[in-house]
Amino acid sequence: MARQGNSVWITLNRPERRNALSWELLRELQKALTEVAGSPAVGVVLAANGPVFSAGHDFSDVLAQDAKGIRELLHLCTDVMRLLQSAPQVVVARVQGLATAAGCQLVASCDLAVAGESAGFALPGGKGGWFCHTPAVPVARSIGRKRLMEMALTGDVIGSRTALEWGLVNRVVPDGELDEAVEELLARASRGSAASKALGKRTLYSQLDRPESDAYEIACEVMADSSQTPAAREGIASFLEKRPPVWPE
């Protein structure tokens, strides 16, 4: 974990194991994301070292566990995915190489994602013996039912351009421009009031996939209450007075 300006970069660093999500790595991610959530950082980048973003769960761990142990492992992994979405900061996945199974789940669980042209994405359980049940949850919410079914049932890799077309990532850029593109998108997505952004992110996730009437009820209540916050008052006043806003701490 490293601070870069007002953002934090969390980098998976098990390239010799294709950044597989072992017990240890998941606990480190859980700890890092919890720490960042309580920090003044306004953005988070989830990156990886090596030619593979993440190959998903470490099968050495999986084979060593009974069903109870696997359930605990999956609950830990689910907690990490939820931390990506519950963190008040904007979280951007920086994807190089392959992101498969729970690695693809990581990408889908981030708020935004930028991929290099060489990136690929797969839910390979569909052509193996252990179906990608949990990775399919956030992927489905990114790409829709039919595309999810194709990924999950075939297990085939989709390229970065297909991932862009399907809505799994926001940008695809030449591999050498990946850092620049991540930083540019994060800067635009994290500008403005940090407090307002955190509330906005939390509310978006709470209403997504709800029936429209429920979504409107949630959004109306939050928007009415938040209109009285210092950030909202300053944002509106600065617009009317044609001056740059001065965001409250």
C-alpha atoms as a PDB file:
ATOM      1  CA  MET A   1       0.000   0.000   0.000  1.00  0.00           C
ATOM      2  CA  ALA A   2       1.468   3.368  -1.030  1.00  0.00           C
ATOM      3  CA  ARG A   3       0.253   6.953  -0.910  1.00  0.00           C
ATOM      4  CA  GLN A   4       0.347   8.921  -4.170  1.00  0.00           C
ATOM      5  CA  GLY A   5      -0.872  12.466  -3.650  1.00  0.00           C
ATOM      6  CA  ASN A   6      -4.355  12.307  -2.169  1.00  0.00           C
ATOM      7  CA  SER A   7      -4.892   8.718  -3.308  1.00  0.00           C
ATOM      8  CA  VAL A   8      -3.729   5.299  -2.117  1.00  0.00           C
ATOM      9  CA  TRP A   9      -2.472   2.515  -4.376  1.00  0.00           C
ATOM     10  CA  ILE A  10      -3.011  -1.031  -3.114  1.00  0.00           C
ATOM     11  CA  THR A  11      -0.934  -3.461  -5.161  1.00  0.00           C
ATOM     12  CA  LEU A  12      -1.280  -7.248  -5.263  1.00  0.00           C
ATOM     13  CA  ASN A  13       2.276  -8.537  -5.069  1.00  0.00           C
ATOM     14  CA  ARG A  14       2.367 -12.311  -5.532  1.00  0.00           C
ATOM     15  CA  PRO A  15       3.433 -12.414  -9.188  1.00  0.00           C
ATOM     16  CA  GLU A  16       5.053 -15.833  -8.750  1.00  0.00           C
ATOM     17  CA  ARG A  17       1.576 -17.172  -7.816  1.00  0.00           C
ATOM     18  CA  ARG A  18      -0.269 -15.130 -10.467  1.00  0.00           C
ATOM     19  CA  ASN A  19      -1.556 -12.932  -7.623  1.00  0.00           C
ATOM     20  CA  ALA A  20      -3.830 -15.735  -6.471  1.00  0.00           C
ATOM     21  CA  LEU A  21      -6.081 -14.727  -3.582  1.00  0.00           C
ATOM     22  CA  SER A  22      -4.698 -16.826  -0.750  1.00  0.00           C
ATOM     23  CA  TRP A  23      -5.932 -16.570   2.823  1.00  0.00           C
ATOM     24  CA  GLU A  24      -2.937 -14.321   3.561  1.00  0.00           C
ATOM     25  CA  LEU A  25      -3.475 -12.016   0.596  1.00  0.00           C
ATOM     26  CA  LEU A  26      -7.196 -11.673   1.284  1.00  0.00           C
ATOM     27  CA  ARG A  27      -6.502 -10.768   4.914  1.00  0.00           C
ATOM     28  CA  GLU A  28      -3.925  -8.208   3.801  1.00  0.00           C
ATOM     29  CA  LEU A  29      -6.465  -6.716   1.379  1.00  0.00           C
ATOM     30  CA  GLN A  30      -9.111  -6.664   4.102  1.00  0.00           C
ATOM     31  CA  LYS A  31      -6.728  -4.834   6.450  1.00  0.00           C
ATOM     32  CA  ALA A  32      -5.557  -2.361   3.806  1.00  0.00           C
ATOM     33  CA  LEU A  33      -9.075  -1.483   2.630  1.00  0.00           C
ATOM     34  CA  THR A  34     -10.267  -1.022   6.216  1.00  0.00           C
ATOM     35  CA  GLU A  35      -7.350   1.322   6.940  1.00  0.00           C
ATOM     36  CA  VAL A  36      -7.898   3.325   3.765  1.00  0.00           C
ATOM     37  CA  ALA A  37     -11.620   3.687   4.454  1.00  0.00           C
ATOM     38  CA  GLY A  38     -10.797   5.530   7.670  1.00  0.00           C
ATOM     39  CA  SER A  39      -8.134   7.745   6.078  1.00  0.00           C
ATOM     40  CA  PRO A  40      -8.391  11.184   4.432  1.00  0.00           C
ATOM     41  CA  ALA A  41      -7.553   9.713   1.006  1.00  0.00           C
ATOM     42  CA  VAL A  42     -10.074  10.561  -1.728  1.00  0.00           C
ATOM     43  CA  GLY A  43      -9.221   7.747  -4.135  1.00  0.00           C
ATOM     44  CA  VAL A  44      -7.969   4.170  -4.192  1.00  0.00           C
ATOM     45  CA  VAL A  45      -6.283   2.289  -7.034  1.00  0.00           C
ATOM     46  CA  LEU A  46      -6.267  -1.513  -6.917  1.00  0.00           C
ATOM     47  CA  ALA A  47      -3.299  -2.674  -8.987  1.00  0.00           C
ATOM     48  CA  ALA A  48      -1.122  -5.769  -9.374  1.00  0.00           C
ATOM     49  CA  ASN A  49       2.505  -6.619 -10.089  1.00  0.00           C
ATOM     50  CA  GLY A  50       3.479  -9.100 -12.755  1.00  0.00           C
ATOM     51  CA  PRO A  51       1.883 -10.252 -16.015  1.00  0.00           C
ATOM     52  CA  VAL A  52      -1.395 -11.386 -14.381  1.00  0.00           C
ATOM     53  CA  PHE A  53      -3.793  -9.156 -12.457  1.00  0.00           C
ATOM     54  CA  SER A  54      -5.183 -12.067 -10.438  1.00  0.00           C
ATOM     55  CA  ALA A  55      -5.899 -15.716 -11.166  1.00  0.00           C
ATOM     56  CA  GLY A  56      -8.559 -15.909  -8.452  1.00  0.00           C
ATOM     57  CA  HIS A  57      -8.509 -18.195  -5.427  1.00  0.00           C
ATOM     58  CA  ASP A  58      -5.317 -20.060  -4.626  1.00  0.00           C
ATOM     59  CA  PHE A  59      -6.185 -23.699  -5.363  1.00  0.00           C
ATOM     60  CA  SER A  60      -3.525 -24.875  -2.904  1.00  0.00           C
ATOM     61  CA  ASP A  61      -5.629 -23.284  -0.168  1.00  0.00           C
ATOM     62  CA  VAL A  62      -8.840 -24.686  -1.611  1.00  0.00           C
ATOM     63  CA  LEU A  63      -7.674 -28.312  -1.747  1.00  0.00           C
ATOM     64  CA  ALA A  64      -6.474 -28.117   1.857  1.00  0.00           C
ATOM     65  CA  GLN A  65      -9.928 -27.156   3.219  1.00  0.00           C
ATOM     66  CA  ASP A  66     -13.170 -28.954   3.942  1.00  0.00           C
ATOM     67  CA  ALA A  67     -16.540 -27.331   3.145  1.00  0.00           C
ATOM     68  CA  LYS A  68     -16.501 -25.376   6.431  1.00  0.00           C
ATOM     69  CA  GLY A  69     -13.075 -23.966   5.646  1.00  0.00           C
ATOM     70  CA  ILE A  70     -14.071 -23.048   2.086  1.00  0.00           C
ATOM     71  CA  ARG A  71     -17.179 -21.302   3.417  1.00  0.00           C
ATOM     72  CA  GLU A  72     -14.966 -19.200   5.712  1.00  0.00           C
ATOM     73  CA  LEU A  73     -12.620 -18.439   2.818  1.00  0.00           C
ATOM     74  CA  LEU A  74     -15.520 -17.320   0.625  1.00  0.00           C
ATOM     75  CA  HIS A  75     -16.950 -15.168   3.418  1.00  0.00           C
ATOM     76  CA  LEU A  76     -13.555 -13.477   3.797  1.00  0.00           C
ATOM     77  CA  CYS A  77     -13.404 -12.905   0.038  1.00  0.00           C
ATOM     78  CA  THR A  78     -16.955 -11.518   0.035  1.00  0.00           C
ATOM     79  CA  ASP A  79     -16.029  -9.121   2.826  1.00  0.00           C
ATOM     80  CA  VAL A  80     -13.127  -7.817   0.715  1.00  0.00           C
ATOM     81  CA  MET A  81     -15.461  -7.275  -2.245  1.00  0.00           C
ATOM     82  CA  ARG A  82     -17.939  -5.415  -0.058  1.00  0.00           C
ATOM     83  CA  LEU A  83     -15.176  -3.247   1.402  1.00  0.00           C
ATOM     84  CA  LEU A  84     -14.341  -2.062  -2.121  1.00  0.00           C
ATOM     85  CA  GLN A  85     -17.901  -0.787  -2.463  1.00  0.00           C
ATOM     86  CA  SER A  86     -18.471   0.444   1.101  1.00  0.00           C
ATOM     87  CA  ALA A  87     -15.235   2.472   1.237  1.00  0.00           C
ATOM     88  CA  PRO A  88     -16.041   6.197   1.010  1.00  0.00           C
ATOM     89  CA  GLN A  89     -13.313   6.666  -1.596  1.00  0.00           C
ATOM     90  CA  VAL A  90     -13.591   6.144  -5.343  1.00  0.00           C
ATOM     91  CA  VAL A  91     -11.957   2.776  -6.128  1.00  0.00           C
ATOM     92  CA  VAL A  92     -10.432   2.165  -9.574  1.00  0.00           C
ATOM     93  CA  ALA A  93      -9.106  -1.197 -10.756  1.00  0.00           C
ATOM     94  CA  ARG A  94      -5.913  -0.994 -12.830  1.00  0.00           C
ATOM     95  CA  VAL A  95      -5.989  -4.183 -14.891  1.00  0.00           C
ATOM     96  CA  GLN A  96      -3.071  -5.643 -16.787  1.00  0.00           C
ATOM     97  CA  GLY A  97      -2.977  -9.196 -18.038  1.00  0.00           C
ATOM     98  CA  LEU A  98      -5.574 -11.775 -17.034  1.00  0.00           C
ATOM     99  CA  ALA A  99      -8.236 -11.310 -14.354  1.00  0.00           C
ATOM    100  CA  THR A 100      -9.942 -14.651 -13.851  1.00  0.00           C
ATOM    101  CA  ALA A 101     -12.499 -16.116 -11.420  1.00  0.00           C
ATOM    102  CA  ALA A 102     -12.211 -14.161  -8.134  1.00  0.00           C
ATOM    103  CA  GLY A 103      -9.726 -11.886  -9.911  1.00  0.00           C
ATOM    104  CA  CYS A 104     -12.485 -10.920 -12.329  1.00  0.00           C
ATOM    105  CA  GLN A 105     -14.734 -10.559  -9.275  1.00  0.00           C
ATOM    106  CA  LEU A 106     -12.283  -7.993  -7.875  1.00  0.00           C
ATOM    107  CA  VAL A 107     -12.503  -5.920 -11.053  1.00  0.00           C
ATOM    108  CA  ALA A 108     -16.302  -6.056 -11.138  1.00  0.00           C
ATOM    109  CA  SER A 109     -16.503  -5.046  -7.463  1.00  0.00           C
ATOM    110  CA  CYS A 110     -14.484  -1.842  -7.948  1.00  0.00           C
ATOM    111  CA  ASP A 111     -16.347   1.375  -8.745  1.00  0.00           C
ATOM    112  CA  LEU A 112     -14.419   1.908 -11.982  1.00  0.00           C
ATOM    113  CA  ALA A 113     -11.924  -0.079 -14.031  1.00  0.00           C
ATOM    114  CA  VAL A 114      -9.257   0.750 -16.610  1.00  0.00           C
ATOM    115  CA  ALA A 115      -7.701  -2.086 -18.594  1.00  0.00           C
ATOM    116  CA  GLY A 116      -4.633  -2.352 -20.744  1.00  0.00           C
ATOM    117  CA  GLU A 117      -5.124  -3.719 -24.236  1.00  0.00           C
ATOM    118  CA  SER A 118      -3.487  -7.008 -23.216  1.00  0.00           C
ATOM    119  CA  ALA A 119      -5.967  -7.614 -20.393  1.00  0.00           C
ATOM    120  CA  GLY A 120      -8.386 -10.524 -20.463  1.00  0.00           C
ATOM    121  CA  PHE A 121     -11.271 -11.587 -18.250  1.00  0.00           C
ATOM    122  CA  ALA A 122     -12.794 -14.994 -17.540  1.00  0.00           C
ATOM    123  CA  LEU A 123     -14.955 -17.040 -15.208  1.00  0.00           C
ATOM    124  CA  PRO A 124     -13.160 -20.314 -16.020  1.00  0.00           C
ATOM    125  CA  GLY A 125     -15.144 -22.545 -13.677  1.00  0.00           C
ATOM    126  CA  GLY A 126     -17.618 -23.105 -16.489  1.00  0.00           C
ATOM    127  CA  LYS A 127     -15.145 -25.398 -18.238  1.00  0.00           C
ATOM    128  CA  GLY A 128     -13.686 -26.860 -15.071  1.00  0.00           C
ATOM    129  CA  GLY A 129     -14.956 -28.691 -12.016  1.00  0.00           C
ATOM    130  CA  TRP A 130     -15.636 -25.801  -9.626  1.00  0.00           C
ATOM    131  CA  PHE A 131     -18.162 -23.332 -11.043  1.00  0.00           C
ATOM    132  CA  CYS A 132     -17.573 -19.589 -10.447  1.00  0.00           C
ATOM    133  CA  HIS A 133     -20.646 -19.059  -8.278  1.00  0.00           C
ATOM    134  CA  THR A 134     -19.439 -16.120  -6.146  1.00  0.00           C
ATOM    135  CA  PRO A 135     -17.394 -14.348  -8.859  1.00  0.00           C
ATOM    136  CA  ALA A 136     -20.537 -14.299 -11.000  1.00  0.00           C
ATOM    137  CA  VAL A 137     -22.403 -12.115  -8.479  1.00  0.00           C
ATOM    138  CA  PRO A 138     -20.756  -8.724  -9.208  1.00  0.00           C
ATOM    139  CA  VAL A 139     -19.957  -9.639 -12.818  1.00  0.00           C
ATOM    140  CA  ALA A 140     -23.681 -10.153 -13.471  1.00  0.00           C
ATOM    141  CA  ARG A 141     -24.395  -6.720 -12.063  1.00  0.00           C
ATOM    142  CA  SER A 142     -21.878  -5.184 -14.456  1.00  0.00           C
ATOM    143  CA  ILE A 143     -22.611  -6.914 -17.754  1.00  0.00           C
ATOM    144  CA  GLY A 144     -26.168  -8.260 -17.589  1.00  0.00           C
ATOM    145  CA  ARG A 145     -27.724 -11.717 -17.721  1.00  0.00           C
ATOM    146  CA  LYS A 146     -26.978 -13.063 -21.209  1.00  0.00           C
ATOM    147  CA  ARG A 147     -23.363 -11.921 -21.249  1.00  0.00           C
ATOM    148  CA  LEU A 148     -22.866 -13.264 -17.734  1.00  0.00           C
ATOM    149  CA  MET A 149     -24.284 -16.612 -18.859  1.00  0.00           C
ATOM    150  CA  GLU A 150     -21.840 -16.703 -21.761  1.00  0.00           C
ATOM    151  CA  MET A 151     -18.863 -15.955 -19.533  1.00  0.00           C
ATOM    152  CA  ALA A 152     -19.942 -18.324 -16.759  1.00  0.00           C
ATOM    153  CA  LEU A 153     -21.036 -21.264 -18.920  1.00  0.00           C
ATOM    154  CA  THR A 154     -18.225 -21.219 -21.488  1.00  0.00           C
ATOM    155  CA  GLY A 155     -15.416 -20.204 -19.151  1.00  0.00           C
ATOM    156  CA  ASP A 156     -13.738 -18.538 -22.128  1.00  0.00           C
ATOM    157  CA  VAL A 157     -11.561 -15.439 -21.878  1.00  0.00           C
ATOM    158  CA  ILE A 158     -12.973 -12.205 -23.254  1.00  0.00           C
ATOM    159  CA  GLY A 159     -10.547  -9.542 -24.423  1.00  0.00           C
ATOM    160  CA  SER A 160     -10.313  -6.017 -23.128  1.00  0.00           C
ATOM    161  CA  ARG A 161     -12.330  -4.539 -26.005  1.00  0.00           C
ATOM    162  CA  THR A 162     -15.176  -6.982 -25.413  1.00  0.00           C
ATOM    163  CA  ALA A 163     -15.006  -6.216 -21.690  1.00  0.00           C
ATOM    164  CA  LEU A 164     -15.365  -2.529 -22.565  1.00  0.00           C
ATOM    165  CA  GLU A 165     -18.305  -3.169 -24.890  1.00  0.00           C
ATOM    166  CA  TRP A 166     -20.010  -5.323 -22.253  1.00  0.00           C
ATOM    167  CA  GLY A 167     -19.524  -2.797 -19.430  1.00  0.00           C
ATOM    168  CA  LEU A 168     -17.027  -4.689 -17.275  1.00  0.00           C
ATOM    169  CA  VAL A 169     -14.439  -1.892 -17.639  1.00  0.00           C
ATOM    170  CA  ASN A 170     -14.675   1.848 -18.298  1.00  0.00           C
ATOM    171  CA  ARG A 171     -11.594   2.381 -20.454  1.00  0.00           C
ATOM    172  CA  VAL A 172      -9.146   0.361 -22.543  1.00  0.00           C
ATOM    173  CA  VAL A 173      -5.780   1.943 -23.324  1.00  0.00           C
ATOM    174  CA  PRO A 174      -2.390   0.823 -24.639  1.00  0.00           C
ATOM    175  CA  ASP A 175      -0.541  -1.005 -21.877  1.00  0.00           C
ATOM    176  CA  GLY A 176       2.089   1.722 -21.642  1.00  0.00           C
ATOM    177  CA  GLU A 177      -0.579   4.355 -20.948  1.00  0.00           C
ATOM    178  CA  LEU A 178      -2.362   2.453 -18.178  1.00  0.00           C
ATOM    179  CA  ASP A 179      -1.075   4.452 -15.201  1.00  0.00           C
ATOM    180  CA  GLU A 180      -1.789   7.771 -16.888  1.00  0.00           C
ATOM    181  CA  ALA A 181      -5.341   6.695 -17.785  1.00  0.00           C
ATOM    182  CA  VAL A 182      -6.041   5.422 -14.256  1.00  0.00           C
ATOM    183  CA  GLU A 183      -4.828   8.650 -12.696  1.00  0.00           C
ATOM    184  CA  GLU A 184      -6.829  10.782 -15.140  1.00  0.00           C
ATOM    185  CA  LEU A 185     -10.088   8.923 -14.520  1.00  0.00           C
ATOM    186  CA  LEU A 186      -9.560   8.857 -10.758  1.00  0.00           C
ATOM    187  CA  ALA A 187      -8.858  12.600 -10.686  1.00  0.00           C
ATOM    188  CA  ARG A 188     -12.123  13.351 -12.489  1.00  0.00           C
ATOM    189  CA  ALA A 189     -14.137  10.874 -10.430  1.00  0.00           C
ATOM    190  CA  SER A 190     -12.829  12.102  -7.069  1.00  0.00           C
ATOM    191  CA  ARG A 191     -13.068  15.882  -7.582  1.00  0.00           C
ATOM    192  CA  GLY A 192     -15.576  17.897  -5.593  1.00  0.00           C
ATOM    193  CA  SER A 193     -16.686  17.381  -2.007  1.00  0.00           C
ATOM    194  CA  ALA A 194     -15.311  14.148  -0.546  1.00  0.00           C
ATOM    195  CA  ALA A 195     -18.200  13.951   1.925  1.00  0.00           C
ATOM    196  CA  SER A 196     -20.797  14.372  -0.815  1.00  0.00           C
ATOM    197  CA  LYS A 197     -19.007  11.804  -2.991  1.00  0.00           C
ATOM    198  CA  ALA A 198     -18.947   9.242  -0.182  1.00  0.00           C
ATOM    199  CA  LEU A 199     -22.680   9.666   0.449  1.00  0.00           C
ATOM    200  CA  GLY A 200     -23.364   9.515  -3.276  1.00  0.00           C
ATOM    201  CA  LYS A 201     -21.425   6.277  -3.694  1.00  0.00           C
ATOM    202  CA  ARG A 202     -23.146   4.663  -0.715  1.00  0.00           C
ATOM    203  CA  THR A 203     -26.587   5.655  -2.000  1.00  0.00           C
ATOM    204  CA  LEU A 204     -25.891   4.464  -5.544  1.00  0.00           C
ATOM    205  CA  TYR A 205     -25.002   1.006  -4.295  1.00  0.00           C
ATOM    206  CA  SER A 206     -28.034   0.900  -2.000  1.00  0.00           C
ATOM    207  CA  GLN A 207     -30.477   1.591  -4.843  1.00  0.00           C
ATOM    208  CA  LEU A 208     -28.861  -0.352  -7.677  1.00  0.00           C
ATOM    209  CA  ASP A 209     -30.822  -3.442  -8.683  1.00  0.00           C
ATOM    210  CA  ARG A 210     -33.825  -2.364  -6.606  1.00  0.00           C
ATOM    211  CA  PRO A 211     -37.236  -1.891  -8.230  1.00  0.00           C
ATOM    212  CA  GLU A 212     -37.548   1.634  -9.621  1.00  0.00           C
ATOM    213  CA  SER A 213     -40.102   2.718  -7.003  1.00  0.00           C
ATOM    214  CA  ASP A 214     -37.812   1.584  -4.151  1.00  0.00           C
ATOM    215  CA  ALA A 215     -34.800   3.208  -5.793  1.00  0.00           C
ATOM    216  CA  TYR A 216     -36.617   6.529  -6.082  1.00  0.00           C
ATOM    217  CA  GLU A 217     -37.720   6.352  -2.444  1.00  0.00           C
ATOM    218  CA  ILE A 218     -34.159   5.791  -1.272  1.00  0.00           C
ATOM    219  CA  ALA A 219     -32.725   8.488  -3.567  1.00  0.00           C
ATOM    220  CA  CYS A 220     -35.362  11.109  -2.682  1.00  0.00           C
ATOM    221  CA  GLU A 221     -34.836  10.690   1.059  1.00  0.00           C
ATOM    222  CA  VAL A 222     -31.070  10.904   0.834  1.00  0.00           C
ATOM    223  CA  MET A 223     -31.130  13.820  -1.607  1.00  0.00           C
ATOM    224  CA  ALA A 224     -33.537  15.810   0.564  1.00  0.00           C
ATOM    225  CA  ASP A 225     -31.491  15.266   3.719  1.00  0.00           C
ATOM    226  CA  SER A 226     -28.167  15.908   2.002  1.00  0.00           C
ATOM    227  CA  SER A 227     -29.405  19.241   0.612  1.00  0.00           C
ATOM    228  CA  GLN A 228     -28.834  20.650   4.089  1.00  0.00           C
ATOM    229  CA  THR A 229     -25.228  19.497   4.447  1.00  0.00           C
ATOM    230  CA  PRO A 230     -22.377  22.042   4.401  1.00  0.00           C
ATOM    231  CA  ALA A 231     -21.039  20.543   1.165  1.00  0.00           C
ATOM    232  CA  ALA A 232     -24.356  20.887  -0.654  1.00  0.00           C
ATOM    233  CA  ARG A 233     -24.933  24.426   0.610  1.00  0.00           C
ATOM    234  CA  GLU A 234     -21.433  25.485  -0.444  1.00  0.00           C
ATOM    235  CA  GLY A 235     -21.734  23.805  -3.837  1.00  0.00           C
ATOM    236  CA  ILE A 236     -25.026  25.528  -4.608  1.00  0.00           C
ATOM    237  CA  ALA A 237     -23.900  28.897  -3.230  1.00  0.00           C
ATOM    238  CA  SER A 238     -20.647  28.858  -5.209  1.00  0.00           C
ATOM    239  CA  PHE A 239     -22.575  28.062  -8.394  1.00  0.00           C
ATOM    240  CA  LEU A 240     -24.993  30.945  -7.851  1.00  0.00           C
ATOM    241  CA  GLU A 241     -22.180  33.329  -6.882  1.00  0.00           C
ATOM    242  CA  LYS A 242     -20.031  32.200  -9.833  1.00  0.00           C
ATOM    243  CA  ARG A 243     -16.965  31.443  -7.705  1.00  0.00           C
ATOM    244  CA  PRO A 244     -14.843  28.344  -7.004  1.00  0.00           C
ATOM    245  CA  PRO A 245     -16.231  26.279  -4.125  1.00  0.00           C
ATOM    246  CA  VAL A 246     -14.411  26.014  -0.813  1.00  0.00           C
ATOM    247  CA  TRP A 247     -15.293  22.567   0.444  1.00  0.00           C
ATOM    248  CA  PRO A 248     -15.711  22.119   4.211  1.00  0.00           C
ATOM    249  CA  GLU A 249     -13.491  19.578   5.917  1.00  0.00           C
END
